Amino acid sequence: MWRPDWWCRAARTVMPMLPIDTAARLTARAADERWQRSAADRRVVAENLSLVLGRPIDEWAIEVRDVFRHFGWYLAEFLCDARWPDTMRAIPGTDELRGHLNAAGGGIVLTAHIGNWELGAISVAGLEGGLAAVALPHADRRMSRFFDAQRRRGGVRTVALGRGGTAEALQVLRQGRWLGVVGDRDFVGDQGVPVELFGRATLMPRGPATLSLRAGVPIVPVFCIRESPWRFRWYSEPPIAPPTRARDGWRDPRSLVEAVSALTQRYAAAIERSIRRFPTQWVVFRSLPSPSASAGPAVGSHASDAGALAAKRSGDACEDVRHFAGL
């Protein structure tokens, strides 16, 4: 049986040899096969799209199929680094993005699993002279090494989510640099922040808001949206400034929890606007979590280690790659 990292390495070698139209067609064909074979993923995608669109979506609907295709194109585009220079040249919306980044002057670039978040990070790294991006380690360490190396080729340094990663992320922000965060998935279910998304209560990760408050930096919502395979447009929003720092430096847990909740709801609204505009590019294959009846750990607490976080992750990219490749 092929390991997922072997599949990725093979795709990275073969994709640049193919014309873009051919690569896009082959990727769509593989995605269609996965759509037809994966009943569980079909049902979850249909459920999520029904929430976004406000009407029932059948699992065999074209919209559901297109979500699988967009995931396939995301992966192919990320693996095909030989095409990155052409792909990222003069992306429409760059001037507005620059304006928002310049207004912030450093801070958190926040996106979602929509369009191509990996190429978005690499493009911002090119615009700003580098970027550190928070990522949860894959359950398969070989996949983690492959994805980290691929990001480094684009000027993105991976900050592993976990005990040491929080301190590293704060250091990046306090030095006035940019930190990329994907903020639409609560990977550790008992530590999420309850918010309203698509008219229902769910959980969002507390990390972006907590880092913004502790470092005193804004959050800039940024989305790299696909117009066609290997062609993108930027959609960005003005910086979301954190509330004025409390006198005690957020040492009071109650005031910090309230501030994190309010800030998380603000960036959740930005993510919702983007997903509603491009629903089939939101490539999430897990149901939105419901808030637990019991409170999670206090803000600022850490999991025991990154390995435990990786084991808890319900839908890491390693599993998604394995599904997509049919392994």
C-alpha atoms as a PDB file:
ATOM      1  CA  MET A   1       0.000   0.000   0.000  1.00  0.00           C
ATOM      2  CA  TRP A   2       1.285   3.435  -0.918  1.00  0.00           C
ATOM      3  CA  ARG A   3       1.922   5.871   1.893  1.00  0.00           C
ATOM      4  CA  PRO A   4       0.184   9.261   1.481  1.00  0.00           C
ATOM      5  CA  ASP A   5       3.532  11.071   1.334  1.00  0.00           C
ATOM      6  CA  TRP A   6       4.579   8.865  -1.584  1.00  0.00           C
ATOM      7  CA  TRP A   7       1.412   9.844  -3.407  1.00  0.00           C
ATOM      8  CA  CYS A   8       2.176  13.529  -2.754  1.00  0.00           C
ATOM      9  CA  ARG A   9       5.769  13.207  -3.959  1.00  0.00           C
ATOM     10  CA  ALA A  10       4.641  11.427  -7.118  1.00  0.00           C
ATOM     11  CA  ALA A  11       2.043  14.116  -7.822  1.00  0.00           C
ATOM     12  CA  ARG A  12       4.623  16.857  -7.222  1.00  0.00           C
ATOM     13  CA  THR A  13       6.852  15.247  -9.867  1.00  0.00           C
ATOM     14  CA  VAL A  14       4.188  14.465 -12.471  1.00  0.00           C
ATOM     15  CA  MET A  15       1.876  17.522 -12.279  1.00  0.00           C
ATOM     16  CA  PRO A  16       4.320  20.058 -13.795  1.00  0.00           C
ATOM     17  CA  MET A  17       4.737  17.814 -16.838  1.00  0.00           C
ATOM     18  CA  LEU A  18       1.048  18.116 -17.717  1.00  0.00           C
ATOM     19  CA  PRO A  19      -0.756  21.073 -19.308  1.00  0.00           C
ATOM     20  CA  ILE A  20      -2.862  22.878 -16.718  1.00  0.00           C
ATOM     21  CA  ASP A  21      -6.135  21.867 -18.404  1.00  0.00           C
ATOM     22  CA  THR A  22      -5.076  18.209 -18.400  1.00  0.00           C
ATOM     23  CA  ALA A  23      -3.947  18.325 -14.765  1.00  0.00           C
ATOM     24  CA  ALA A  24      -7.221  20.004 -13.769  1.00  0.00           C
ATOM     25  CA  ARG A  25      -9.297  17.413 -15.637  1.00  0.00           C
ATOM     26  CA  LEU A  26      -7.439  14.451 -14.152  1.00  0.00           C
ATOM     27  CA  THR A  27      -7.750  15.926 -10.668  1.00  0.00           C
ATOM     28  CA  ALA A  28     -11.485  16.501 -11.164  1.00  0.00           C
ATOM     29  CA  ARG A  29     -11.893  12.914 -12.339  1.00  0.00           C
ATOM     30  CA  ALA A  30     -10.143  11.585  -9.226  1.00  0.00           C
ATOM     31  CA  ALA A  31     -12.287  13.876  -7.076  1.00  0.00           C
ATOM     32  CA  ASP A  32     -15.474  12.648  -8.756  1.00  0.00           C
ATOM     33  CA  GLU A  33     -14.513   9.063  -8.004  1.00  0.00           C
ATOM     34  CA  ARG A  34     -13.983   9.970  -4.363  1.00  0.00           C
ATOM     35  CA  TRP A  35     -17.352  11.745  -4.283  1.00  0.00           C
ATOM     36  CA  GLN A  36     -19.058   8.630  -5.631  1.00  0.00           C
ATOM     37  CA  ARG A  37     -17.258   6.226  -3.266  1.00  0.00           C
ATOM     38  CA  SER A  38     -17.286   8.114   0.036  1.00  0.00           C
ATOM     39  CA  ALA A  39     -20.820   8.025   1.431  1.00  0.00           C
ATOM     40  CA  ALA A  40     -19.843   9.475   4.821  1.00  0.00           C
ATOM     41  CA  ASP A  41     -18.038  12.458   3.302  1.00  0.00           C
ATOM     42  CA  ARG A  42     -20.898  13.079   0.853  1.00  0.00           C
ATOM     43  CA  ARG A  43     -23.411  13.237   3.690  1.00  0.00           C
ATOM     44  CA  VAL A  44     -21.301  15.624   5.778  1.00  0.00           C
ATOM     45  CA  VAL A  45     -20.639  17.958   2.845  1.00  0.00           C
ATOM     46  CA  ALA A  46     -24.344  17.981   1.973  1.00  0.00           C
ATOM     47  CA  GLU A  47     -25.153  18.775   5.614  1.00  0.00           C
ATOM     48  CA  ASN A  48     -22.674  21.662   5.703  1.00  0.00           C
ATOM     49  CA  LEU A  49     -23.853  23.074   2.363  1.00  0.00           C
ATOM     50  CA  SER A  50     -27.457  22.902   3.543  1.00  0.00           C
ATOM     51  CA  LEU A  51     -26.509  25.118   6.489  1.00  0.00           C
ATOM     52  CA  VAL A  52     -24.619  27.575   4.281  1.00  0.00           C
ATOM     53  CA  LEU A  53     -27.231  27.812   1.533  1.00  0.00           C
ATOM     54  CA  GLY A  54     -30.268  27.674   3.801  1.00  0.00           C
ATOM     55  CA  ARG A  55     -31.974  24.884   1.853  1.00  0.00           C
ATOM     56  CA  PRO A  56     -31.708  21.092   1.744  1.00  0.00           C
ATOM     57  CA  ILE A  57     -28.852  19.839  -0.441  1.00  0.00           C
ATOM     58  CA  ASP A  58     -28.859  16.241  -1.615  1.00  0.00           C
ATOM     59  CA  GLU A  59     -25.587  14.349  -1.280  1.00  0.00           C
ATOM     60  CA  TRP A  60     -25.631  13.677  -5.053  1.00  0.00           C
ATOM     61  CA  ALA A  61     -26.061  17.352  -5.923  1.00  0.00           C
ATOM     62  CA  ILE A  62     -23.537  19.026  -8.217  1.00  0.00           C
ATOM     63  CA  GLU A  63     -22.653  21.418  -5.385  1.00  0.00           C
ATOM     64  CA  VAL A  64     -21.469  18.497  -3.261  1.00  0.00           C
ATOM     65  CA  ARG A  65     -19.438  17.095  -6.144  1.00  0.00           C
ATOM     66  CA  ASP A  66     -17.817  20.510  -6.640  1.00  0.00           C
ATOM     67  CA  VAL A  67     -16.616  20.589  -3.031  1.00  0.00           C
ATOM     68  CA  PHE A  68     -14.669  17.372  -3.719  1.00  0.00           C
ATOM     69  CA  ARG A  69     -13.271  18.891  -6.915  1.00  0.00           C
ATOM     70  CA  HIS A  70     -12.144  22.035  -5.146  1.00  0.00           C
ATOM     71  CA  PHE A  71     -10.348  19.955  -2.527  1.00  0.00           C
ATOM     72  CA  GLY A  72      -8.571  18.037  -5.282  1.00  0.00           C
ATOM     73  CA  TRP A  73      -7.523  21.249  -7.014  1.00  0.00           C
ATOM     74  CA  TYR A  74      -6.304  22.718  -3.719  1.00  0.00           C
ATOM     75  CA  LEU A  75      -4.059  19.712  -3.168  1.00  0.00           C
ATOM     76  CA  ALA A  76      -2.772  19.611  -6.755  1.00  0.00           C
ATOM     77  CA  GLU A  77      -2.004  23.342  -6.710  1.00  0.00           C
ATOM     78  CA  PHE A  78      -0.138  23.091  -3.418  1.00  0.00           C
ATOM     79  CA  LEU A  79       1.912  20.112  -4.566  1.00  0.00           C
ATOM     80  CA  CYS A  80       2.829  21.667  -7.918  1.00  0.00           C
ATOM     81  CA  ASP A  81       5.383  24.235  -6.692  1.00  0.00           C
ATOM     82  CA  ALA A  82       6.908  24.468 -10.181  1.00  0.00           C
ATOM     83  CA  ARG A  83       3.818  26.454 -11.209  1.00  0.00           C
ATOM     84  CA  TRP A  84       3.717  28.755  -8.170  1.00  0.00           C
ATOM     85  CA  PRO A  85       5.535  31.720  -9.814  1.00  0.00           C
ATOM     86  CA  ASP A  86       3.032  31.878 -12.696  1.00  0.00           C
ATOM     87  CA  THR A  87       0.070  31.163 -10.425  1.00  0.00           C
ATOM     88  CA  MET A  88       0.885  33.977  -8.013  1.00  0.00           C
ATOM     89  CA  ARG A  89       1.828  36.624 -10.542  1.00  0.00           C
ATOM     90  CA  ALA A  90      -0.549  39.616 -10.435  1.00  0.00           C
ATOM     91  CA  ILE A  91      -3.435  38.014  -8.528  1.00  0.00           C
ATOM     92  CA  PRO A  92      -6.485  40.331  -8.751  1.00  0.00           C
ATOM     93  CA  GLY A  93      -7.293  41.966  -5.434  1.00  0.00           C
ATOM     94  CA  THR A  94      -3.627  42.310  -4.434  1.00  0.00           C
ATOM     95  CA  ASP A  95      -3.788  46.117  -4.117  1.00  0.00           C
ATOM     96  CA  GLU A  96      -6.680  45.923  -1.660  1.00  0.00           C
ATOM     97  CA  LEU A  97      -4.892  43.173   0.252  1.00  0.00           C
ATOM     98  CA  ARG A  98      -1.727  45.288   0.482  1.00  0.00           C
ATOM     99  CA  GLY A  99      -3.794  48.170   1.800  1.00  0.00           C
ATOM    100  CA  HIS A 100      -5.267  46.044   4.574  1.00  0.00           C
ATOM    101  CA  LEU A 101      -1.893  44.548   5.483  1.00  0.00           C
ATOM    102  CA  ASN A 102      -0.235  47.980   5.531  1.00  0.00           C
ATOM    103  CA  ALA A 103      -3.025  49.350   7.725  1.00  0.00           C
ATOM    104  CA  ALA A 104      -2.405  46.553  10.220  1.00  0.00           C
ATOM    105  CA  GLY A 105       1.385  46.802  10.125  1.00  0.00           C
ATOM    106  CA  GLY A 106       1.840  43.219  11.288  1.00  0.00           C
ATOM    107  CA  GLY A 107      -0.363  40.743  13.094  1.00  0.00           C
ATOM    108  CA  ILE A 108      -2.530  37.723  12.273  1.00  0.00           C
ATOM    109  CA  VAL A 109      -3.510  36.823   8.708  1.00  0.00           C
ATOM    110  CA  LEU A 110      -6.660  34.780   9.257  1.00  0.00           C
ATOM    111  CA  THR A 111      -8.269  32.560   6.650  1.00  0.00           C
ATOM    112  CA  ALA A 112     -10.411  29.424   6.386  1.00  0.00           C
ATOM    113  CA  HIS A 113     -10.365  26.092   4.567  1.00  0.00           C
ATOM    114  CA  ILE A 114     -11.659  27.814   1.447  1.00  0.00           C
ATOM    115  CA  GLY A 115     -10.075  28.302  -1.967  1.00  0.00           C
ATOM    116  CA  ASN A 116      -6.404  27.572  -1.415  1.00  0.00           C
ATOM    117  CA  TRP A 117      -5.236  28.625   2.034  1.00  0.00           C
ATOM    118  CA  GLU A 118      -1.749  27.135   1.547  1.00  0.00           C
ATOM    119  CA  LEU A 119      -1.063  29.130  -1.627  1.00  0.00           C
ATOM    120  CA  GLY A 120      -2.590  32.129   0.078  1.00  0.00           C
ATOM    121  CA  ALA A 121       0.005  31.857   2.842  1.00  0.00           C
ATOM    122  CA  ILE A 122       2.797  31.447   0.302  1.00  0.00           C
ATOM    123  CA  SER A 123       1.594  34.478  -1.650  1.00  0.00           C
ATOM    124  CA  VAL A 124       1.425  36.643   1.498  1.00  0.00           C
ATOM    125  CA  ALA A 125       4.938  35.457   2.367  1.00  0.00           C
ATOM    126  CA  GLY A 126       6.086  36.755  -1.017  1.00  0.00           C
ATOM    127  CA  LEU A 127       4.372  40.106  -0.497  1.00  0.00           C
ATOM    128  CA  GLU A 128       5.602  40.605   3.069  1.00  0.00           C
ATOM    129  CA  GLY A 129       9.041  38.990   2.971  1.00  0.00           C
ATOM    130  CA  GLY A 130       8.065  35.901   4.936  1.00  0.00           C
ATOM    131  CA  LEU A 131       5.284  34.404   7.028  1.00  0.00           C
ATOM    132  CA  ALA A 132       4.988  31.986   9.919  1.00  0.00           C
ATOM    133  CA  ALA A 133       1.892  29.769   9.795  1.00  0.00           C
ATOM    134  CA  VAL A 134       0.287  27.765  12.598  1.00  0.00           C
ATOM    135  CA  ALA A 135      -0.420  24.159  11.600  1.00  0.00           C
ATOM    136  CA  LEU A 136      -1.442  21.076  13.518  1.00  0.00           C
ATOM    137  CA  PRO A 137       1.054  18.232  13.022  1.00  0.00           C
ATOM    138  CA  HIS A 138      -0.266  15.344  10.973  1.00  0.00           C
ATOM    139  CA  ALA A 139      -0.805  12.006  12.627  1.00  0.00           C
ATOM    140  CA  ASP A 140       1.745  10.649  10.120  1.00  0.00           C
ATOM    141  CA  ARG A 141       5.079  12.373  10.819  1.00  0.00           C
ATOM    142  CA  ARG A 142       6.239  11.745   7.251  1.00  0.00           C
ATOM    143  CA  MET A 143       3.313  13.794   5.986  1.00  0.00           C
ATOM    144  CA  SER A 144       4.137  16.557   8.461  1.00  0.00           C
ATOM    145  CA  ARG A 145       7.699  16.688   7.181  1.00  0.00           C
ATOM    146  CA  PHE A 146       6.515  16.763   3.572  1.00  0.00           C
ATOM    147  CA  PHE A 147       3.971  19.566   4.127  1.00  0.00           C
ATOM    148  CA  ASP A 148       6.456  21.597   6.203  1.00  0.00           C
ATOM    149  CA  ALA A 149       9.097  21.272   3.472  1.00  0.00           C
ATOM    150  CA  GLN A 150       6.593  22.285   0.802  1.00  0.00           C
ATOM    151  CA  ARG A 151       5.665  25.399   2.793  1.00  0.00           C
ATOM    152  CA  ARG A 152       9.335  26.288   3.254  1.00  0.00           C
ATOM    153  CA  ARG A 153       9.778  26.247  -0.528  1.00  0.00           C
ATOM    154  CA  GLY A 154       7.267  29.087  -0.586  1.00  0.00           C
ATOM    155  CA  GLY A 155       8.831  31.078   2.243  1.00  0.00           C
ATOM    156  CA  VAL A 156       6.406  29.924   4.955  1.00  0.00           C
ATOM    157  CA  ARG A 157       7.727  28.655   8.276  1.00  0.00           C
ATOM    158  CA  THR A 158       5.480  26.196  10.108  1.00  0.00           C
ATOM    159  CA  VAL A 159       4.665  26.824  13.764  1.00  0.00           C
ATOM    160  CA  ALA A 160       3.431  23.521  15.185  1.00  0.00           C
ATOM    161  CA  LEU A 161       0.303  23.770  17.289  1.00  0.00           C
ATOM    162  CA  GLY A 162       1.052  22.662  20.838  1.00  0.00           C
ATOM    163  CA  ARG A 163       2.792  23.725  24.019  1.00  0.00           C
ATOM    164  CA  GLY A 164       5.888  25.245  22.414  1.00  0.00           C
ATOM    165  CA  GLY A 165       3.987  26.598  19.420  1.00  0.00           C
ATOM    166  CA  THR A 166       2.034  29.146  21.464  1.00  0.00           C
ATOM    167  CA  ALA A 167       5.191  30.815  22.744  1.00  0.00           C
ATOM    168  CA  GLU A 168       6.712  30.769  19.253  1.00  0.00           C
ATOM    169  CA  ALA A 169       3.574  32.330  17.747  1.00  0.00           C
ATOM    170  CA  LEU A 170       3.556  35.103  20.360  1.00  0.00           C
ATOM    171  CA  GLN A 171       7.213  35.790  19.681  1.00  0.00           C
ATOM    172  CA  VAL A 172       6.490  36.186  15.957  1.00  0.00           C
ATOM    173  CA  LEU A 173       3.690  38.650  16.659  1.00  0.00           C
ATOM    174  CA  ARG A 174       5.586  40.674  19.257  1.00  0.00           C
ATOM    175  CA  GLN A 175       8.398  41.111  16.743  1.00  0.00           C
ATOM    176  CA  GLY A 176       5.949  42.832  14.397  1.00  0.00           C
ATOM    177  CA  ARG A 177       5.837  39.988  11.887  1.00  0.00           C
ATOM    178  CA  TRP A 178       2.941  38.125  10.281  1.00  0.00           C
ATOM    179  CA  LEU A 179       1.383  34.918  11.554  1.00  0.00           C
ATOM    180  CA  GLY A 180      -0.989  32.904   9.359  1.00  0.00           C
ATOM    181  CA  VAL A 181      -3.868  31.048  11.024  1.00  0.00           C
ATOM    182  CA  VAL A 182      -6.725  28.968   9.580  1.00  0.00           C
ATOM    183  CA  GLY A 183      -9.602  29.817  11.894  1.00  0.00           C
ATOM    184  CA  ASP A 184     -12.697  27.852  10.854  1.00  0.00           C
ATOM    185  CA  ARG A 185     -11.962  24.506  12.500  1.00  0.00           C
ATOM    186  CA  ASP A 186     -11.823  23.752  16.216  1.00  0.00           C
ATOM    187  CA  PHE A 187      -9.331  20.875  16.130  1.00  0.00           C
ATOM    188  CA  VAL A 188      -9.467  20.381  19.901  1.00  0.00           C
ATOM    189  CA  GLY A 189     -13.177  20.185  20.584  1.00  0.00           C
ATOM    190  CA  ASP A 190     -13.142  20.913  24.328  1.00  0.00           C
ATOM    191  CA  GLN A 191     -11.252  24.202  23.916  1.00  0.00           C
ATOM    192  CA  GLY A 192     -13.382  25.991  21.310  1.00  0.00           C
ATOM    193  CA  VAL A 193     -15.283  29.248  21.698  1.00  0.00           C
ATOM    194  CA  PRO A 194     -19.085  29.140  21.223  1.00  0.00           C
ATOM    195  CA  VAL A 195     -20.121  31.391  18.323  1.00  0.00           C
ATOM    196  CA  GLU A 196     -23.005  31.731  15.911  1.00  0.00           C
ATOM    197  CA  LEU A 197     -22.231  30.549  12.375  1.00  0.00           C
ATOM    198  CA  PHE A 198     -24.855  30.163   9.631  1.00  0.00           C
ATOM    199  CA  GLY A 199     -27.584  30.763  12.198  1.00  0.00           C
ATOM    200  CA  ARG A 200     -26.579  27.988  14.592  1.00  0.00           C
ATOM    201  CA  ALA A 201     -24.301  27.637  17.592  1.00  0.00           C
ATOM    202  CA  THR A 202     -20.951  25.996  16.984  1.00  0.00           C
ATOM    203  CA  LEU A 203     -17.340  26.134  18.184  1.00  0.00           C
ATOM    204  CA  MET A 204     -14.443  28.089  16.696  1.00  0.00           C
ATOM    205  CA  PRO A 205     -10.798  27.931  17.774  1.00  0.00           C
ATOM    206  CA  ARG A 206      -9.858  30.323  20.556  1.00  0.00           C
ATOM    207  CA  GLY A 207      -6.239  30.604  19.419  1.00  0.00           C
ATOM    208  CA  PRO A 208      -6.493  33.532  16.940  1.00  0.00           C
ATOM    209  CA  ALA A 209      -8.362  35.792  19.367  1.00  0.00           C
ATOM    210  CA  THR A 210      -6.187  34.821  22.334  1.00  0.00           C
ATOM    211  CA  LEU A 211      -2.986  35.527  20.399  1.00  0.00           C
ATOM    212  CA  SER A 212      -4.401  38.833  19.117  1.00  0.00           C
ATOM    213  CA  LEU A 213      -5.249  39.958  22.645  1.00  0.00           C
ATOM    214  CA  ARG A 214      -2.020  38.839  24.283  1.00  0.00           C
ATOM    215  CA  ALA A 215       0.192  40.346  21.573  1.00  0.00           C
ATOM    216  CA  GLY A 216      -2.026  43.400  21.037  1.00  0.00           C
ATOM    217  CA  VAL A 217      -2.152  42.927  17.264  1.00  0.00           C
ATOM    218  CA  PRO A 218      -5.032  43.016  14.734  1.00  0.00           C
ATOM    219  CA  ILE A 219      -6.540  40.143  12.763  1.00  0.00           C
ATOM    220  CA  VAL A 220      -6.768  40.589   8.975  1.00  0.00           C
ATOM    221  CA  PRO A 221      -9.313  38.270   7.270  1.00  0.00           C
ATOM    222  CA  VAL A 222      -7.792  37.111   3.965  1.00  0.00           C
ATOM    223  CA  PHE A 223      -9.160  34.560   1.474  1.00  0.00           C
ATOM    224  CA  CYS A 224      -7.422  33.225  -1.650  1.00  0.00           C
ATOM    225  CA  ILE A 225     -10.392  32.227  -3.834  1.00  0.00           C
ATOM    226  CA  ARG A 226     -10.140  30.067  -6.943  1.00  0.00           C
ATOM    227  CA  GLU A 227     -11.477  31.498 -10.212  1.00  0.00           C
ATOM    228  CA  SER A 228     -10.339  28.386 -12.088  1.00  0.00           C
ATOM    229  CA  PRO A 229      -7.648  25.771 -11.361  1.00  0.00           C
ATOM    230  CA  TRP A 230      -4.342  27.582 -10.730  1.00  0.00           C
ATOM    231  CA  ARG A 231      -6.021  31.005 -11.026  1.00  0.00           C
ATOM    232  CA  PHE A 232      -7.070  33.034  -7.965  1.00  0.00           C
ATOM    233  CA  ARG A 233      -8.490  36.302  -6.682  1.00  0.00           C
ATOM    234  CA  TRP A 234      -7.892  37.878  -3.270  1.00  0.00           C
ATOM    235  CA  TYR A 235     -10.813  38.764  -1.046  1.00  0.00           C
ATOM    236  CA  SER A 236      -9.707  40.564   2.102  1.00  0.00           C
ATOM    237  CA  GLU A 237     -11.327  42.671   4.795  1.00  0.00           C
ATOM    238  CA  PRO A 238     -10.062  45.555   6.939  1.00  0.00           C
ATOM    239  CA  PRO A 239      -8.089  44.665  10.077  1.00  0.00           C
ATOM    240  CA  ILE A 240     -10.089  43.664  13.150  1.00  0.00           C
ATOM    241  CA  ALA A 241      -8.437  45.448  16.077  1.00  0.00           C
ATOM    242  CA  PRO A 242      -8.465  43.769  19.509  1.00  0.00           C
ATOM    243  CA  PRO A 243     -10.158  45.633  22.363  1.00  0.00           C
ATOM    244  CA  THR A 244      -8.049  47.876  24.539  1.00  0.00           C
ATOM    245  CA  ARG A 245      -5.781  45.842  26.751  1.00  0.00           C
ATOM    246  CA  ALA A 246      -7.125  45.358  30.253  1.00  0.00           C
ATOM    247  CA  ARG A 247      -5.239  47.092  33.074  1.00  0.00           C
ATOM    248  CA  ASP A 248      -4.104  43.762  34.475  1.00  0.00           C
ATOM    249  CA  GLY A 249      -2.785  42.611  31.086  1.00  0.00           C
ATOM    250  CA  TRP A 250      -5.632  40.067  30.716  1.00  0.00           C
ATOM    251  CA  ARG A 251      -4.668  38.272  33.916  1.00  0.00           C
ATOM    252  CA  ASP A 252      -8.314  38.144  34.998  1.00  0.00           C
ATOM    253  CA  PRO A 253      -9.658  34.966  33.324  1.00  0.00           C
ATOM    254  CA  ARG A 254     -13.195  36.342  33.184  1.00  0.00           C
ATOM    255  CA  SER A 255     -12.288  39.488  31.259  1.00  0.00           C
ATOM    256  CA  LEU A 256     -10.068  37.487  28.903  1.00  0.00           C
ATOM    257  CA  VAL A 257     -12.819  34.944  28.190  1.00  0.00           C
ATOM    258  CA  GLU A 258     -15.280  37.753  27.391  1.00  0.00           C
ATOM    259  CA  ALA A 259     -12.798  39.504  25.112  1.00  0.00           C
ATOM    260  CA  VAL A 260     -11.875  36.255  23.325  1.00  0.00           C
ATOM    261  CA  SER A 261     -15.547  35.454  22.772  1.00  0.00           C
ATOM    262  CA  ALA A 262     -16.342  38.865  21.299  1.00  0.00           C
ATOM    263  CA  LEU A 263     -13.280  38.891  19.029  1.00  0.00           C
ATOM    264  CA  THR A 264     -13.894  35.329  17.855  1.00  0.00           C
ATOM    265  CA  GLN A 265     -17.471  36.184  16.872  1.00  0.00           C
ATOM    266  CA  ARG A 266     -16.180  39.116  14.799  1.00  0.00           C
ATOM    267  CA  TYR A 267     -13.774  37.020  12.765  1.00  0.00           C
ATOM    268  CA  ALA A 268     -16.342  34.204  12.528  1.00  0.00           C
ATOM    269  CA  ALA A 269     -18.635  36.690  10.778  1.00  0.00           C
ATOM    270  CA  ALA A 270     -15.883  37.452   8.244  1.00  0.00           C
ATOM    271  CA  ILE A 271     -15.389  33.741   7.588  1.00  0.00           C
ATOM    272  CA  GLU A 272     -19.145  33.255   7.184  1.00  0.00           C
ATOM    273  CA  ARG A 273     -19.337  36.041   4.596  1.00  0.00           C
ATOM    274  CA  SER A 274     -16.610  34.403   2.544  1.00  0.00           C
ATOM    275  CA  ILE A 275     -18.119  30.918   2.736  1.00  0.00           C
ATOM    276  CA  ARG A 276     -21.592  32.172   1.797  1.00  0.00           C
ATOM    277  CA  ARG A 277     -20.086  33.844  -1.247  1.00  0.00           C
ATOM    278  CA  PHE A 278     -18.131  30.751  -2.352  1.00  0.00           C
ATOM    279  CA  PRO A 279     -19.854  27.796  -0.670  1.00  0.00           C
ATOM    280  CA  THR A 280     -18.464  25.000  -2.861  1.00  0.00           C
ATOM    281  CA  GLN A 281     -14.888  26.137  -2.158  1.00  0.00           C
ATOM    282  CA  TRP A 282     -15.299  25.484   1.576  1.00  0.00           C
ATOM    283  CA  VAL A 283     -13.623  22.080   1.740  1.00  0.00           C
ATOM    284  CA  VAL A 284     -14.532  20.822   5.209  1.00  0.00           C
ATOM    285  CA  PHE A 285     -15.406  17.141   5.534  1.00  0.00           C
ATOM    286  CA  ARG A 286     -16.491  17.208   9.185  1.00  0.00           C
ATOM    287  CA  SER A 287     -19.765  18.405  10.693  1.00  0.00           C
ATOM    288  CA  LEU A 288     -19.735  21.668  12.596  1.00  0.00           C
ATOM    289  CA  PRO A 289     -19.254  20.842  16.287  1.00  0.00           C
ATOM    290  CA  SER A 290     -21.911  21.757  18.809  1.00  0.00           C
ATOM    291  CA  PRO A 291     -20.956  23.580  22.006  1.00  0.00           C
ATOM    292  CA  SER A 292     -20.523  21.211  24.939  1.00  0.00           C
ATOM    293  CA  ALA A 293     -22.781  21.577  27.929  1.00  0.00           C
ATOM    294  CA  SER A 294     -19.679  21.682  30.093  1.00  0.00           C
ATOM    295  CA  ALA A 295     -17.098  24.417  29.924  1.00  0.00           C
ATOM    296  CA  GLY A 296     -13.731  23.635  28.400  1.00  0.00           C
ATOM    297  CA  PRO A 297     -10.325  24.495  29.794  1.00  0.00           C
ATOM    298  CA  ALA A 298      -9.535  28.072  30.635  1.00  0.00           C
ATOM    299  CA  VAL A 299      -8.255  30.369  27.910  1.00  0.00           C
ATOM    300  CA  GLY A 300      -4.529  30.068  27.526  1.00  0.00           C
ATOM    301  CA  SER A 301      -4.363  26.431  28.659  1.00  0.00           C
ATOM    302  CA  HIS A 302      -2.392  23.983  26.542  1.00  0.00           C
ATOM    303  CA  ALA A 303      -2.756  20.387  25.528  1.00  0.00           C
ATOM    304  CA  SER A 304      -0.152  18.055  26.943  1.00  0.00           C
ATOM    305  CA  ASP A 305       1.732  17.867  23.665  1.00  0.00           C
ATOM    306  CA  ALA A 306       1.374  18.207  19.901  1.00  0.00           C
ATOM    307  CA  GLY A 307       1.184  14.444  19.482  1.00  0.00           C
ATOM    308  CA  ALA A 308      -1.939  14.270  21.621  1.00  0.00           C
ATOM    309  CA  LEU A 309      -3.493  17.054  19.573  1.00  0.00           C
ATOM    310  CA  ALA A 310      -2.706  15.237  16.347  1.00  0.00           C
ATOM    311  CA  ALA A 311      -4.292  12.059  17.672  1.00  0.00           C
ATOM    312  CA  LYS A 312      -7.485  13.956  18.554  1.00  0.00           C
ATOM    313  CA  ARG A 313      -7.759  15.699  15.218  1.00  0.00           C
ATOM    314  CA  SER A 314     -10.843  14.263  13.521  1.00  0.00           C
ATOM    315  CA  GLY A 315     -10.000  15.288   9.995  1.00  0.00           C
ATOM    316  CA  ASP A 316      -6.325  16.100   9.486  1.00  0.00           C
ATOM    317  CA  ALA A 317      -4.969  16.625   5.997  1.00  0.00           C
ATOM    318  CA  CYS A 318      -3.167  13.294   6.113  1.00  0.00           C
ATOM    319  CA  GLU A 319      -6.525  11.545   6.343  1.00  0.00           C
ATOM    320  CA  ASP A 320      -7.995  13.794   3.660  1.00  0.00           C
ATOM    321  CA  VAL A 321      -5.101  13.013   1.317  1.00  0.00           C
ATOM    322  CA  ARG A 322      -5.528   9.309   1.984  1.00  0.00           C
ATOM    323  CA  HIS A 323      -9.253   9.583   1.204  1.00  0.00           C
ATOM    324  CA  PHE A 324      -8.674  11.591  -1.955  1.00  0.00           C
ATOM    325  CA  ALA A 325      -6.071   9.177  -3.271  1.00  0.00           C
ATOM    326  CA  GLY A 326      -8.336   6.240  -2.475  1.00  0.00           C
ATOM    327  CA  LEU A 327      -5.703   4.683  -0.217  1.00  0.00           C
END
